[in-house]
Amino acid sequence: MSMPRQPGRIFADGDRESADLLVEALRAPNIDHDVAESLTHPFHSYPARLHPATARVLVEIVGNRAGRGALIVDPFCGSGTSLVEARAVGFKAVGVDLNPLAVLVARAKTWTAPSRRLKQLREQGHALAGHVLAAGKAARRSTAEAAPMRKPKGFDPNARNTRLASWFAPHVRRELELIAGHLDDMRVHDAELANVLTACLSAILYKVSSRTSDTDGTWVDRNIARGAAARNFAQRVDLLCAGLVDLSQGSSNIPVIHELDARRLGDVVPDGTAAGIVTSPPYAGTYDYAEHQRLRFDFLGLHHRNLDIGEMGSRRSFESNPVTAQQNWRSALADSVNAIAKALAPGALAALVVGDSVAKGRAIFALDDLRDALTDDLTIEAWASQHRPMLGAAETRAFGDRPKAEHITLVRRR
């Protein structure tokens, strides 16, 4: 959830107690500045993630009537924000996302392991960083030979190298490839630890690249010192370990996270078994997760064909054919909401966070689309909307007299 510097006006309706709690959820990021830096939330950046302070309130709302150990589900889990909060208070959790990077990161952020494994994670991470630093010093000798680049299975090595070459300084690329190569070897005998450490590597990739940010693919000149990649990697391992130790104080429930389309939620969550759902579907026409993460996909060797094909509401789909894209978006949203309705237990609540957007010059009013998508099995318990600032003249023209807003809708399964 994108948070403006100046909080916008909030409007709410429905059950008074529930509506007040939704208002609290919208206000939480501007009041509680500690939540976003707690547990494993700061471990890995992720575009437009649900704000951890909002997720914390929403998990409390939907789980209020469920006992400890009840199942909380997030069908669009992204990097796992709501799953972290659900686990922290003792709920079982299931997350679904079509993005392989999101699944990798969410699993790392919610990893449940005994203290000896956490110790092993830290030791392996630091040992690997030390090895890379030593290799970097050796590589500067006149007799040293350049280490070969990795060749992830399923990726054309020449095409991969062409795509990556301009984004990393040669010495940075060598350090990163060496880390990744060791993780490839580790994965043969300890895939669990290798995958968590791969998430640590992913967390630093853009920081040592020439890419401006996760959402801005502009090339920028960065002077990255030798050894910086290895040191940043070790620091990220420490950050994750500290967060996992804090998270382990809550419960030992292991969140289960699936790389899956939200419309197929029923494949992993039997009908009527979810005690609550907290989720934020993609905002139509706002982001291209497949494009934003393509550099990570290429470097880490993550296969993303299903995401390229099935990403809901992507900006690129609206650029090519806005009318068809909006129809597809509404259809996909309806199918997702239908899957959510089936997963919920009778009487259980789902908190759905959606935001208005502009796609190819036309305003998309997310709350209207969400209400149109609701099935007869769902009834609106309450809703709250907060005005958001217009981003430039194009948004002002698109929205006209109607304000742009972010919304939380609380629905109940009949």
Protein backbone atom coordinates (compact mmCIF):
# COMPACT_ATOMS: atom_id res chain seq x y z
CA MET A 1 0.00 0.00 0.00
CA SER A 2 1.49 3.33 -1.04
CA MET A 3 1.36 5.82 1.80
CA PRO A 4 1.17 9.58 1.07
CA ARG A 5 3.09 12.05 3.18
CA GLN A 6 -0.15 13.77 4.13
CA PRO A 7 -2.93 11.31 5.04
CA GLY A 8 -6.06 11.78 2.96
CA ARG A 9 -9.63 12.01 4.22
CA ILE A 10 -11.19 8.72 5.25
CA PHE A 11 -14.80 7.69 4.68
CA ALA A 12 -16.31 4.53 6.12
CA ASP A 13 -19.66 2.78 6.37
CA GLY A 14 -21.25 -0.50 7.41
CA ASP A 15 -21.13 -2.18 10.79
CA ARG A 16 -19.90 0.58 13.08
CA GLU A 17 -17.36 -1.43 15.04
CA SER A 18 -15.93 -3.06 11.92
CA ALA A 19 -15.82 0.23 10.00
CA ASP A 20 -13.90 1.87 12.86
CA LEU A 21 -11.35 -0.94 12.75
CA LEU A 22 -10.91 -0.50 9.00
CA VAL A 23 -10.28 3.21 9.56
CA GLU A 24 -7.67 2.20 12.11
CA ALA A 25 -6.06 -0.06 9.50
CA LEU A 26 -5.84 2.82 7.02
CA ARG A 27 -4.37 5.15 9.60
CA ALA A 28 -1.93 2.63 11.06
CA PRO A 29 1.02 3.30 8.70
CA ASN A 30 1.04 6.99 9.63
CA ILE A 31 0.82 6.26 13.35
CA ASP A 32 2.83 3.11 13.99
CA HIS A 33 6.22 3.53 12.34
CA ASP A 34 7.82 0.54 14.08
CA VAL A 35 5.84 -2.30 12.52
CA ALA A 36 7.46 -1.97 9.09
CA GLU A 37 10.90 -2.40 10.69
CA SER A 38 9.89 -5.35 12.87
CA LEU A 39 10.09 -9.11 12.38
CA THR A 40 11.18 -9.94 8.81
CA HIS A 41 9.32 -7.08 7.10
CA PRO A 42 12.41 -5.02 6.15
CA PHE A 43 14.26 -7.99 4.67
CA HIS A 44 13.38 -7.59 0.97
CA SER A 45 11.84 -4.72 -0.98
CA TYR A 46 8.72 -5.49 -2.99
CA PRO A 47 6.71 -3.03 -5.11
CA ALA A 48 3.39 -1.85 -3.68
CA ARG A 49 3.29 -4.39 -0.88
CA LEU A 50 0.54 -4.17 1.71
CA HIS A 51 1.88 -1.97 4.51
CA PRO A 52 2.84 -4.17 7.50
CA ALA A 53 1.00 -1.90 9.97
CA THR A 54 -2.19 -2.23 7.94
CA ALA A 55 -1.70 -5.99 7.58
CA ARG A 56 -1.31 -6.34 11.35
CA VAL A 57 -4.67 -4.69 12.02
CA LEU A 58 -6.45 -6.65 9.29
CA VAL A 59 -5.11 -9.98 10.53
CA GLU A 60 -6.46 -9.09 13.97
CA ILE A 61 -9.86 -8.19 12.49
CA VAL A 62 -10.41 -11.35 10.45
CA GLY A 63 -8.88 -13.61 13.06
CA ASN A 64 -10.66 -12.10 16.05
CA ARG A 65 -13.30 -14.81 16.24
CA ALA A 66 -11.02 -17.66 15.24
CA GLY A 67 -9.04 -19.61 17.78
CA ARG A 68 -5.28 -19.82 17.90
CA GLY A 69 -4.09 -22.10 15.16
CA ALA A 70 -6.96 -21.24 12.79
CA LEU A 71 -6.18 -20.86 9.09
CA ILE A 72 -5.55 -17.39 7.58
CA VAL A 73 -5.13 -17.23 3.80
CA ASP A 74 -3.64 -14.67 1.41
CA PRO A 75 -4.39 -15.49 -2.25
CA PHE A 76 -2.15 -12.62 -3.47
CA CYS A 77 0.55 -12.96 -0.83
CA GLY A 78 3.38 -11.13 -2.62
CA SER A 79 6.45 -11.09 -0.39
CA GLY A 80 4.46 -12.47 2.54
CA THR A 81 3.55 -9.43 4.67
CA SER A 82 0.20 -10.74 5.90
CA LEU A 83 1.64 -14.25 6.33
CA VAL A 84 4.36 -12.90 8.63
CA GLU A 85 1.72 -11.15 10.73
CA ALA A 86 -0.52 -14.21 10.81
CA ARG A 87 2.31 -16.44 11.95
CA ALA A 88 3.44 -13.91 14.57
CA VAL A 89 0.12 -14.18 16.41
CA GLY A 90 -0.15 -17.95 16.17
CA PHE A 91 -2.35 -18.60 13.14
CA LYS A 92 -1.71 -21.19 10.50
CA ALA A 93 -1.21 -19.48 7.17
CA VAL A 94 -1.41 -20.33 3.48
CA GLY A 95 -0.18 -17.98 0.79
CA VAL A 96 -0.56 -18.11 -2.98
CA ASP A 97 1.20 -16.05 -5.64
CA LEU A 98 1.99 -16.56 -9.31
CA ASN A 99 5.30 -14.70 -9.04
CA PRO A 100 8.17 -17.15 -8.37
CA LEU A 101 10.25 -14.41 -6.76
CA ALA A 102 7.42 -13.53 -4.38
CA VAL A 103 7.17 -17.18 -3.35
CA LEU A 104 10.94 -17.40 -2.80
CA VAL A 105 10.95 -14.28 -0.61
CA ALA A 106 7.76 -15.11 1.31
CA ARG A 107 9.09 -18.55 2.19
CA ALA A 108 12.33 -17.03 3.48
CA LYS A 109 10.49 -14.39 5.53
CA THR A 110 8.28 -16.99 7.20
CA TRP A 111 10.89 -19.75 7.53
CA THR A 112 10.36 -21.85 10.64
CA ALA A 113 13.45 -23.68 11.85
CA PRO A 114 15.14 -24.68 15.13
CA SER A 115 17.86 -22.43 16.53
CA ARG A 116 20.62 -24.71 15.24
CA ARG A 117 19.37 -24.21 11.67
CA LEU A 118 19.21 -20.45 12.11
CA LYS A 119 22.78 -20.59 13.38
CA GLN A 120 23.71 -22.66 10.36
CA LEU A 121 22.05 -20.11 8.07
CA ARG A 122 24.13 -17.31 9.51
CA GLU A 123 27.36 -19.30 9.50
CA GLN A 124 26.89 -20.49 5.92
CA GLY A 125 26.03 -16.98 4.76
CA HIS A 126 29.10 -15.44 6.37
CA ALA A 127 31.36 -18.25 5.20
CA LEU A 128 30.16 -17.74 1.66
CA ALA A 129 30.68 -13.97 1.86
CA GLY A 130 34.19 -14.55 3.22
CA HIS A 131 34.99 -16.94 0.41
CA VAL A 132 33.83 -14.40 -2.19
CA LEU A 133 35.93 -11.63 -0.61
CA ALA A 134 38.99 -13.89 -0.67
CA ALA A 135 38.29 -14.87 -4.28
CA GLY A 136 38.00 -11.20 -5.20
CA LYS A 137 41.45 -10.47 -3.83
CA ALA A 138 42.90 -13.46 -5.67
CA ALA A 139 41.24 -12.35 -8.92
CA ARG A 140 43.19 -9.10 -8.88
CA ARG A 141 46.48 -10.96 -9.24
CA SER A 142 47.99 -10.87 -12.70
CA THR A 143 47.98 -14.65 -13.03
CA ALA A 144 44.34 -15.09 -12.07
CA GLU A 145 41.83 -16.46 -14.55
CA ALA A 146 38.31 -15.08 -14.75
CA ALA A 147 35.71 -17.35 -13.22
CA PRO A 148 33.15 -18.70 -15.71
CA MET A 149 29.65 -17.27 -15.63
CA ARG A 150 26.84 -19.50 -14.42
CA LYS A 151 24.51 -21.19 -16.87
CA PRO A 152 21.14 -21.66 -15.14
CA LYS A 153 19.14 -24.50 -16.62
CA GLY A 154 16.52 -23.35 -19.10
CA PHE A 155 18.19 -19.99 -19.84
CA ASP A 156 20.16 -19.33 -23.01
CA PRO A 157 23.61 -18.36 -21.62
CA ASN A 158 24.42 -15.83 -24.34
CA ALA A 159 21.03 -14.13 -24.16
CA ARG A 160 21.20 -14.10 -20.37
CA ASN A 161 24.68 -12.57 -20.41
CA THR A 162 23.57 -9.89 -22.88
CA ARG A 163 20.63 -8.93 -20.66
CA LEU A 164 22.74 -8.77 -17.49
CA ALA A 165 25.97 -7.24 -18.80
CA SER A 166 24.97 -3.59 -18.65
CA TRP A 167 23.41 -3.78 -15.20
CA PHE A 168 26.42 -4.86 -13.16
CA ALA A 169 30.02 -3.69 -13.07
CA PRO A 170 32.31 -6.62 -14.01
CA HIS A 171 33.72 -7.05 -10.49
CA VAL A 172 30.21 -6.92 -8.98
CA ARG A 173 28.94 -9.46 -11.49
CA ARG A 174 31.80 -11.84 -10.61
CA GLU A 175 31.01 -11.58 -6.89
CA LEU A 176 27.31 -12.17 -7.42
CA GLU A 177 27.85 -15.10 -9.77
CA LEU A 178 30.25 -16.67 -7.30
CA ILE A 179 27.68 -16.41 -4.50
CA ALA A 180 24.97 -17.84 -6.74
CA GLY A 181 27.23 -20.63 -7.95
CA HIS A 182 27.95 -21.77 -4.41
CA LEU A 183 24.21 -21.70 -3.68
CA ASP A 184 23.60 -23.88 -6.75
CA ASP A 185 26.07 -26.42 -5.33
CA MET A 186 24.49 -26.20 -1.87
CA ARG A 187 21.02 -26.79 -3.31
CA VAL A 188 21.99 -30.34 -4.27
CA HIS A 189 22.33 -31.43 -0.62
CA ASP A 190 20.44 -28.70 1.30
CA ALA A 191 17.82 -27.06 -0.91
CA GLU A 192 16.01 -25.47 2.04
CA LEU A 193 19.02 -23.50 3.24
CA ALA A 194 20.12 -22.67 -0.32
CA ASN A 195 16.71 -21.20 -1.16
CA VAL A 196 16.67 -19.00 1.93
CA LEU A 197 20.15 -17.74 1.12
CA THR A 198 19.06 -17.17 -2.49
CA ALA A 199 16.37 -14.84 -1.15
CA CYS A 200 19.15 -12.98 0.70
CA LEU A 201 21.01 -12.64 -2.59
CA SER A 202 17.87 -11.40 -4.33
CA ALA A 203 17.44 -8.75 -1.64
CA ILE A 204 20.74 -7.06 -2.55
CA LEU A 205 20.74 -7.47 -6.34
CA TYR A 206 19.20 -4.11 -7.23
CA LYS A 207 21.25 -2.34 -4.58
CA VAL A 208 24.50 -3.28 -6.33
CA SER A 209 23.16 -2.91 -9.87
CA SER A 210 22.71 0.08 -12.15
CA ARG A 211 18.94 -0.18 -11.95
CA THR A 212 17.37 2.80 -10.17
CA SER A 213 14.88 0.79 -8.10
CA ASP A 214 12.38 -2.07 -8.17
CA THR A 215 9.78 0.03 -9.99
CA ASP A 216 12.11 2.28 -12.00
CA GLY A 217 14.13 0.48 -14.66
CA THR A 218 16.19 3.54 -15.57
CA TRP A 219 19.94 2.93 -15.80
CA VAL A 220 21.92 4.92 -13.23
CA ASP A 221 25.68 5.15 -12.79
CA ARG A 222 26.69 3.63 -9.46
CA ASN A 223 30.19 3.24 -8.12
CA ILE A 224 30.04 -0.07 -6.26
CA ALA A 225 33.21 -0.85 -4.31
CA ARG A 226 34.94 -4.20 -4.62
CA GLY A 227 33.62 -6.57 -2.00
CA ALA A 228 30.42 -4.56 -1.49
CA ALA A 229 28.20 -7.32 -2.88
CA ALA A 230 29.66 -9.92 -0.52
CA ARG A 231 29.44 -7.62 2.52
CA ASN A 232 25.87 -6.60 1.68
CA PHE A 233 24.96 -10.26 1.33
CA ALA A 234 26.33 -11.06 4.82
CA GLN A 235 24.46 -8.09 6.28
CA ARG A 236 21.23 -9.23 4.67
CA VAL A 237 21.70 -12.71 6.14
CA ASP A 238 22.10 -11.12 9.59
CA LEU A 239 18.97 -9.01 9.08
CA LEU A 240 16.90 -12.04 8.12
CA CYS A 241 18.24 -14.12 11.02
CA ALA A 242 17.36 -11.40 13.52
CA GLY A 243 13.84 -11.12 12.11
CA LEU A 244 13.31 -14.87 12.11
CA VAL A 245 14.39 -15.08 15.76
CA ASP A 246 11.80 -12.44 16.66
CA LEU A 247 9.17 -14.18 14.55
CA SER A 248 9.84 -17.53 16.21
CA GLN A 249 8.59 -16.11 19.52
CA GLY A 250 5.03 -16.22 18.15
CA SER A 251 4.38 -19.82 17.11
CA SER A 252 5.95 -22.77 15.36
CA ASN A 253 3.28 -22.92 12.66
CA ILE A 254 4.92 -23.10 9.25
CA PRO A 255 3.13 -21.01 6.61
CA VAL A 256 2.61 -22.96 3.39
CA ILE A 257 3.23 -20.92 0.25
CA HIS A 258 2.32 -22.03 -3.26
CA GLU A 259 3.35 -20.70 -6.66
CA LEU A 260 -0.15 -20.64 -8.05
CA ASP A 261 -2.76 -18.43 -9.68
CA ALA A 262 -5.19 -17.03 -7.08
CA ARG A 263 -8.07 -18.17 -9.25
CA ARG A 264 -6.99 -21.74 -8.46
CA LEU A 265 -7.03 -21.21 -4.70
CA GLY A 266 -9.30 -24.21 -4.32
CA ASP A 267 -6.44 -26.47 -5.43
CA VAL A 268 -4.65 -25.86 -2.11
CA VAL A 269 -7.34 -24.55 0.26
CA PRO A 270 -10.38 -26.85 0.55
CA ASP A 271 -13.76 -25.16 0.38
CA GLY A 272 -14.98 -23.70 3.64
CA THR A 273 -11.71 -24.13 5.60
CA ALA A 274 -10.30 -20.59 5.81
CA ALA A 275 -11.05 -18.84 9.10
CA GLY A 276 -10.09 -15.53 7.51
CA ILE A 277 -8.53 -13.97 4.43
CA VAL A 278 -6.35 -10.86 4.17
CA THR A 279 -5.22 -9.92 0.70
CA SER A 280 -4.57 -7.13 -1.77
CA PRO A 281 -5.18 -7.98 -5.44
CA PRO A 282 -3.03 -6.17 -8.03
CA TYR A 283 -4.08 -2.62 -8.84
CA ALA A 284 -5.22 -2.61 -12.48
CA GLY A 285 -2.79 -1.06 -14.93
CA THR A 286 -0.35 0.07 -12.23
CA TYR A 287 2.55 -2.38 -12.22
CA ASP A 288 4.23 -5.04 -14.33
CA TYR A 289 5.62 -7.46 -11.79
CA ALA A 290 7.02 -9.65 -14.55
CA GLU A 291 8.94 -6.67 -15.95
CA HIS A 292 9.99 -5.21 -12.57
CA GLN A 293 11.57 -8.48 -11.51
CA ARG A 294 13.00 -9.61 -14.84
CA LEU A 295 16.56 -8.74 -13.85
CA ARG A 296 16.21 -10.91 -10.75
CA PHE A 297 14.58 -13.68 -12.78
CA ASP A 298 17.49 -13.67 -15.24
CA PHE A 299 20.19 -13.58 -12.61
CA LEU A 300 18.71 -16.10 -10.20
CA GLY A 301 17.45 -18.43 -12.92
CA LEU A 302 13.78 -18.21 -11.89
CA HIS A 303 11.33 -19.42 -14.52
CA HIS A 304 8.50 -16.94 -14.95
CA ARG A 305 6.54 -18.01 -18.01
CA ASN A 306 3.35 -18.61 -16.01
CA LEU A 307 3.60 -15.11 -14.52
CA ASP A 308 4.17 -13.56 -17.95
CA ILE A 309 1.00 -15.23 -19.21
CA GLY A 310 -1.23 -15.04 -16.14
CA GLU A 311 -0.36 -11.75 -14.41
CA MET A 312 -3.62 -9.98 -13.57
CA GLY A 313 -4.14 -6.34 -14.50
CA SER A 314 -0.60 -5.70 -15.72
CA ARG A 315 0.27 -2.29 -17.10
CA ARG A 316 1.55 -3.82 -20.35
CA SER A 317 -1.82 -5.44 -21.02
CA PHE A 318 -3.54 -2.05 -20.83
CA GLU A 319 -0.91 -0.47 -23.06
CA SER A 320 -1.61 -2.92 -25.87
CA ASN A 321 -5.42 -3.03 -25.70
CA PRO A 322 -7.05 -1.08 -22.84
CA VAL A 323 -10.66 -2.10 -23.55
CA THR A 324 -9.90 -5.82 -23.68
CA ALA A 325 -7.50 -5.50 -20.74
CA GLN A 326 -10.17 -3.93 -18.55
CA GLN A 327 -12.63 -6.67 -19.47
CA ASN A 328 -10.02 -9.32 -18.68
CA TRP A 329 -9.17 -7.58 -15.41
CA ARG A 330 -12.78 -7.55 -14.25
CA SER A 331 -13.22 -11.19 -15.25
CA ALA A 332 -10.03 -12.23 -13.42
CA LEU A 333 -11.04 -10.25 -10.33
CA ALA A 334 -14.48 -11.91 -10.33
CA ASP A 335 -12.89 -15.36 -10.61
CA SER A 336 -10.51 -14.57 -7.76
CA VAL A 337 -13.29 -13.29 -5.52
CA ASN A 338 -15.30 -16.41 -6.30
CA ALA A 339 -12.33 -18.55 -5.22
CA ILE A 340 -12.07 -16.50 -2.01
CA ALA A 341 -15.77 -17.01 -1.30
CA LYS A 342 -15.44 -20.78 -1.68
CA ALA A 343 -12.38 -20.94 0.58
CA LEU A 344 -13.99 -19.03 3.47
CA ALA A 345 -15.75 -20.90 6.24
CA PRO A 346 -19.38 -19.85 6.80
CA GLY A 347 -19.41 -16.63 8.84
CA ALA A 348 -15.70 -16.00 8.24
CA LEU A 349 -14.34 -12.61 7.12
CA ALA A 350 -12.13 -11.50 4.26
CA ALA A 351 -10.39 -8.11 4.18
CA LEU A 352 -9.71 -7.01 0.59
CA VAL A 353 -7.45 -4.03 -0.07
CA VAL A 354 -7.83 -2.43 -3.50
CA GLY A 355 -6.83 0.92 -4.98
CA ASP A 356 -8.05 3.19 -7.76
CA SER A 357 -5.69 3.59 -10.69
CA VAL A 358 -5.27 5.03 -14.15
CA ALA A 359 -4.61 2.73 -17.08
CA LYS A 360 -3.95 4.13 -20.53
CA GLY A 361 -5.58 7.44 -19.61
CA ARG A 362 -8.77 6.04 -18.12
CA ALA A 363 -9.65 5.88 -14.43
CA ILE A 364 -10.34 2.51 -12.88
CA PHE A 365 -12.45 2.67 -9.76
CA ALA A 366 -11.40 -0.40 -7.85
CA LEU A 367 -14.19 -0.40 -5.27
CA ASP A 368 -16.81 -0.43 -8.03
CA ASP A 369 -15.07 -3.34 -9.74
CA LEU A 370 -14.77 -5.23 -6.47
CA ARG A 371 -18.42 -4.78 -5.60
CA ASP A 372 -19.40 -5.99 -9.06
CA ALA A 373 -17.24 -9.08 -8.50
CA LEU A 374 -18.85 -10.12 -5.20
CA THR A 375 -20.79 -13.36 -5.33
CA ASP A 376 -24.13 -14.09 -3.63
CA ASP A 377 -22.16 -16.00 -0.97
CA LEU A 378 -20.52 -12.78 0.25
CA THR A 379 -22.02 -9.82 2.03
CA ILE A 380 -20.27 -6.52 2.78
CA GLU A 381 -19.73 -6.10 6.50
CA ALA A 382 -18.03 -2.69 6.27
CA TRP A 383 -15.75 -0.60 4.08
CA ALA A 384 -13.36 2.32 4.46
CA SER A 385 -11.77 4.51 1.78
CA GLN A 386 -8.94 7.00 2.03
CA HIS A 387 -8.31 9.69 -0.56
CA ARG A 388 -4.97 9.54 -2.33
CA PRO A 389 -3.18 12.43 -4.06
CA MET A 390 -3.34 12.65 -7.84
CA LEU A 391 -0.03 11.86 -9.51
CA GLY A 392 0.18 14.45 -12.27
CA ALA A 393 -2.18 16.04 -14.74
CA ALA A 394 -3.05 12.74 -16.44
CA GLU A 395 -4.62 11.35 -13.25
CA THR A 396 -6.42 14.63 -12.57
CA ARG A 397 -7.98 14.52 -16.03
CA ALA A 398 -8.87 10.83 -15.74
CA PHE A 399 -10.59 11.05 -12.35
CA GLY A 400 -12.31 14.38 -12.98
CA ASP A 401 -14.43 15.41 -10.01
CA ARG A 402 -14.27 12.00 -8.37
CA PRO A 403 -11.41 11.52 -5.87
CA LYS A 404 -8.81 8.82 -6.20
CA ALA A 405 -8.81 6.49 -3.21
CA GLU A 406 -7.54 3.32 -1.61
CA HIS A 407 -10.15 1.01 -0.13
CA ILE A 408 -10.50 -1.79 2.38
CA THR A 409 -13.65 -3.86 2.08
CA LEU A 410 -14.58 -6.37 4.77
CA VAL A 411 -16.83 -9.14 3.45
CA ARG A 412 -18.43 -12.06 5.27
CA ARG A 413 -19.23 -15.51 3.92
CA ARG A 414 -22.94 -16.17 4.39
